[in-house]
Amino acid sequence: MQERAEVTRRAVLSTAAVLFEQHGYVGTSISDVARTSGYTSGAIYFHFGSKEGLARGVLEAHFAEWPRYVECWESLDAPVLDRLVGLSIAVAREFRDNVIVRAGNRLWSERQTIPVSLPRPFVGWIEVTARMLAAAEAAGELAPGVDAERTARVLVSSFYGTHTVSDALNERRNIEDAVSDLWTLLLPGLQAAPVDAAKCLEGARTLLAATRGEPAPSTK
């Protein structure tokens, strides 16, 4: 019975994510979710209580995507900056390809219309980035004078700004290239000598392929 309830809950969340991402919070109703998912409005209210609760459920699912990525990339045996860059590209892919992530992003942008307490974005990513930058400093990878916490705030702000522009201009189709361009600009100011942004990006892409079970990218 519990397993069946969880299947229902996941199916409703997936359908709601698609509709919230396409139509926004105001443009989506419980009736829309019921009609599209094939579950009754009563079942949806049973699991989520209200449309606000359903939106919160999608946002919580959005945030629940990230811990496994962080754990994976922090545990890899590779230079820290390579891992940080690779993690950012992996996250960018999720914003492009994962409807739960996209829906959570749209719902947060419409938070003023949702009358319920919602999880805070960005704080966790700033903490993760600061932690990885501190590890890079300890490993001798970071340029002298780089403040891990201040730099983490700038990097996270820059990443999400890049994501927002990519979303607005071409629906994130170029997001990997855009994030790579961002790192090409920023890495020379972060890396200890000798500065080599291209080598770091190459290492990040090799790690990314390995985490996905893909062949290493060609360097020719």
Protein backbone atom coordinates (compact mmCIF):
# COMPACT_ATOMS: atom_id res chain seq x y z
CA MET A 1 0.00 0.00 0.00
CA GLN A 2 2.80 2.39 0.93
CA GLU A 3 4.66 1.60 -2.30
CA ARG A 4 1.51 2.26 -4.32
CA ALA A 5 1.04 5.60 -2.60
CA GLU A 6 4.62 6.57 -3.39
CA VAL A 7 4.14 5.65 -7.05
CA THR A 8 1.05 7.87 -7.15
CA ARG A 9 2.88 10.72 -5.46
CA ARG A 10 5.82 10.58 -7.88
CA ALA A 11 3.52 10.41 -10.90
CA VAL A 12 1.52 13.42 -9.74
CA LEU A 13 4.72 15.38 -9.02
CA SER A 14 6.10 14.60 -12.47
CA THR A 15 2.90 15.75 -14.17
CA ALA A 16 2.68 18.87 -12.02
CA ALA A 17 6.30 19.71 -12.83
CA VAL A 18 5.58 19.61 -16.56
CA LEU A 19 2.53 21.85 -16.19
CA PHE A 20 4.15 24.30 -13.76
CA GLU A 21 7.18 24.58 -16.06
CA GLN A 22 4.99 25.22 -19.10
CA HIS A 23 2.24 27.39 -17.60
CA GLY A 24 3.53 28.67 -14.27
CA TYR A 25 1.89 28.48 -10.87
CA VAL A 26 -1.09 30.73 -11.64
CA GLY A 27 -1.73 29.06 -15.00
CA THR A 28 -1.90 25.54 -13.54
CA SER A 29 -4.80 24.12 -11.53
CA ILE A 30 -5.33 20.93 -9.58
CA SER A 31 -7.91 19.99 -12.23
CA ASP A 32 -5.23 20.37 -14.92
CA VAL A 33 -2.89 18.07 -13.00
CA ALA A 34 -5.68 15.54 -12.40
CA ARG A 35 -6.74 15.50 -16.04
CA THR A 36 -3.19 15.16 -17.36
CA SER A 37 -1.97 12.63 -14.79
CA GLY A 38 -5.07 10.44 -14.81
CA TYR A 39 -5.40 10.66 -11.03
CA THR A 40 -8.40 12.23 -9.31
CA SER A 41 -8.33 15.64 -7.71
CA GLY A 42 -9.15 13.87 -4.46
CA ALA A 43 -5.99 11.76 -4.72
CA ILE A 44 -3.92 14.87 -5.36
CA TYR A 45 -5.40 16.69 -2.38
CA PHE A 46 -4.82 13.58 -0.25
CA HIS A 47 -1.09 13.57 -1.04
CA PHE A 48 -0.39 17.31 -1.19
CA GLY A 49 -3.26 19.07 0.57
CA SER A 50 -3.53 22.00 -1.84
CA LYS A 51 -2.06 23.52 -4.98
CA GLU A 52 0.38 25.37 -2.74
CA GLY A 53 1.42 22.05 -1.21
CA LEU A 54 1.87 20.58 -4.67
CA ALA A 55 4.09 23.48 -5.71
CA ARG A 56 6.14 23.08 -2.55
CA GLY A 57 6.45 19.35 -3.31
CA VAL A 58 7.89 20.13 -6.75
CA LEU A 59 10.33 22.65 -5.26
CA GLU A 60 11.43 20.16 -2.60
CA ALA A 61 11.98 17.58 -5.34
CA HIS A 62 14.05 20.18 -7.20
CA PHE A 63 16.33 20.71 -4.21
CA ALA A 64 16.49 16.96 -3.53
CA GLU A 65 18.26 16.48 -6.88
CA TRP A 66 21.47 18.14 -5.70
CA PRO A 67 22.93 16.22 -2.72
CA ARG A 68 23.87 13.19 -4.83
CA TYR A 69 25.67 15.44 -7.31
CA VAL A 70 27.58 17.22 -4.58
CA GLU A 71 28.57 13.94 -2.90
CA CYS A 72 29.73 12.49 -6.22
CA TRP A 73 31.82 15.46 -7.31
CA GLU A 74 33.37 16.16 -3.93
CA SER A 75 34.51 12.54 -3.64
CA LEU A 76 36.21 12.24 -7.06
CA ASP A 77 39.98 11.78 -7.15
CA ALA A 78 40.92 14.78 -9.28
CA PRO A 79 42.03 18.41 -8.91
CA VAL A 80 39.46 20.38 -6.95
CA LEU A 81 38.94 23.10 -9.56
CA ASP A 82 38.38 20.45 -12.24
CA ARG A 83 35.70 18.97 -9.99
CA LEU A 84 34.08 22.33 -9.29
CA VAL A 85 33.90 23.15 -13.00
CA GLY A 86 32.58 19.68 -13.81
CA LEU A 87 29.91 19.95 -11.13
CA SER A 88 28.74 23.28 -12.54
CA ILE A 89 28.38 21.79 -16.04
CA ALA A 90 26.52 18.78 -14.63
CA VAL A 91 24.11 21.11 -12.84
CA ALA A 92 23.69 23.18 -16.01
CA ARG A 93 22.68 20.01 -17.86
CA GLU A 94 20.03 19.32 -15.26
CA PHE A 95 18.58 22.80 -15.71
CA ARG A 96 18.40 22.06 -19.43
CA ASP A 97 17.17 18.44 -19.35
CA ASN A 98 15.39 17.78 -16.04
CA VAL A 99 11.77 18.98 -15.90
CA ILE A 100 11.67 18.81 -12.09
CA VAL A 101 14.65 21.18 -11.94
CA ARG A 102 13.19 23.51 -14.56
CA ALA A 103 9.80 23.56 -12.84
CA GLY A 104 11.38 24.30 -9.47
CA ASN A 105 13.31 27.16 -11.03
CA ARG A 106 10.16 28.68 -12.52
CA LEU A 107 8.17 28.24 -9.32
CA TRP A 108 10.84 29.99 -7.30
CA SER A 109 10.83 32.89 -9.76
CA GLU A 110 7.06 33.13 -9.20
CA ARG A 111 7.31 32.76 -5.41
CA GLN A 112 5.37 35.97 -4.74
CA THR A 113 2.25 34.28 -6.14
CA ILE A 114 2.60 31.12 -4.00
CA PRO A 115 1.17 31.61 -0.48
CA VAL A 116 3.36 29.07 1.32
CA SER A 117 6.84 28.96 2.82
CA LEU A 118 9.32 27.73 0.21
CA PRO A 119 12.89 26.39 0.48
CA ARG A 120 15.62 29.02 0.03
CA PRO A 121 17.74 28.71 -3.10
CA PHE A 122 21.44 29.51 -3.62
CA VAL A 123 22.52 29.24 0.04
CA GLY A 124 23.44 25.57 -0.26
CA TRP A 125 25.33 26.13 -3.51
CA ILE A 126 27.29 29.01 -1.99
CA GLU A 127 28.28 26.75 0.92
CA VAL A 128 29.31 23.90 -1.39
CA THR A 129 31.31 26.22 -3.65
CA ALA A 130 33.06 27.86 -0.69
CA ARG A 131 33.94 24.43 0.70
CA MET A 132 35.42 23.30 -2.62
CA LEU A 133 37.35 26.54 -3.04
CA ALA A 134 38.78 26.11 0.47
CA ALA A 135 39.84 22.59 -0.52
CA ALA A 136 41.42 24.00 -3.69
CA GLU A 137 43.33 26.50 -1.58
CA ALA A 138 44.58 23.74 0.72
CA ALA A 139 45.72 21.78 -2.33
CA GLY A 140 47.67 24.74 -3.69
CA GLU A 141 45.36 25.19 -6.68
CA LEU A 142 44.00 28.62 -5.78
CA ALA A 143 45.68 31.93 -6.53
CA PRO A 144 46.98 33.84 -3.51
CA GLY A 145 44.48 36.25 -1.98
CA VAL A 146 41.32 34.54 -3.25
CA ASP A 147 38.68 34.64 -0.49
CA ALA A 148 36.70 31.38 -0.68
CA GLU A 149 33.42 32.66 0.74
CA ARG A 150 33.28 35.92 -1.22
CA THR A 151 34.34 34.17 -4.41
CA ALA A 152 31.70 31.48 -3.89
CA ARG A 153 28.96 34.12 -3.81
CA VAL A 154 30.29 35.66 -7.02
CA LEU A 155 30.56 32.28 -8.78
CA VAL A 156 27.05 31.20 -7.84
CA SER A 157 25.63 34.57 -8.86
CA SER A 158 27.50 34.38 -12.17
CA PHE A 159 26.37 30.84 -12.84
CA TYR A 160 22.70 31.63 -12.27
CA GLY A 161 22.97 34.82 -14.30
CA THR A 162 24.44 32.80 -17.17
CA HIS A 163 21.62 30.29 -16.81
CA THR A 164 18.97 33.02 -16.86
CA VAL A 165 20.35 34.62 -20.02
CA SER A 166 20.67 31.24 -21.76
CA ASP A 167 17.09 30.41 -20.81
CA ALA A 168 15.79 33.73 -22.11
CA LEU A 169 17.69 33.72 -25.39
CA ASN A 170 17.56 30.08 -26.52
CA GLU A 171 15.79 27.97 -23.89
CA ARG A 172 19.13 26.77 -22.43
CA ARG A 173 20.23 25.02 -25.61
CA ASN A 174 23.69 26.61 -25.34
CA ILE A 175 23.99 26.36 -21.57
CA GLU A 176 27.07 24.08 -21.54
CA ASP A 177 28.96 26.38 -23.90
CA ALA A 178 27.83 29.42 -21.90
CA VAL A 179 29.05 27.94 -18.61
CA SER A 180 32.34 26.94 -20.26
CA ASP A 181 32.76 30.52 -21.52
CA LEU A 182 32.13 31.77 -17.99
CA TRP A 183 34.87 29.55 -16.58
CA THR A 184 37.26 30.52 -19.38
CA LEU A 185 36.86 34.11 -18.22
CA LEU A 186 37.01 33.44 -14.48
CA LEU A 187 39.57 30.64 -14.07
CA PRO A 188 42.69 32.76 -14.81
CA GLY A 189 41.84 34.84 -11.76
CA LEU A 190 41.29 31.78 -9.58
CA GLN A 191 44.08 29.40 -10.52
CA ALA A 192 47.54 29.38 -9.02
CA ALA A 193 50.32 29.71 -11.60
CA PRO A 194 50.65 28.45 -14.23
CA VAL A 195 47.24 29.64 -15.37
CA ASP A 196 45.60 27.15 -17.75
CA ALA A 197 41.83 27.46 -18.02
CA ALA A 198 41.63 25.14 -21.05
CA LYS A 199 43.34 22.30 -19.19
CA CYS A 200 40.92 22.66 -16.27
CA LEU A 201 37.90 22.60 -18.60
CA GLU A 202 39.30 19.55 -20.37
CA GLY A 203 39.74 17.79 -17.03
CA ALA A 204 36.20 18.73 -15.99
CA ARG A 205 34.73 17.33 -19.21
CA THR A 206 36.70 14.10 -18.80
CA LEU A 207 35.34 13.72 -15.27
CA LEU A 208 31.83 14.51 -16.48
CA ALA A 209 32.03 11.80 -19.11
CA ALA A 210 33.31 9.32 -16.51
CA THR A 211 30.46 10.04 -14.10
CA ARG A 212 27.98 9.36 -16.91
CA GLY A 213 29.73 6.24 -18.21
CA GLU A 214 30.60 7.95 -21.50
CA PRO A 215 33.86 7.80 -23.49
CA ALA A 216 36.34 10.53 -22.59
CA PRO A 217 35.97 13.57 -24.90
CA SER A 218 38.46 13.83 -27.72
CA THR A 219 41.17 16.43 -27.29
CA LYS A 220 42.04 16.55 -31.01
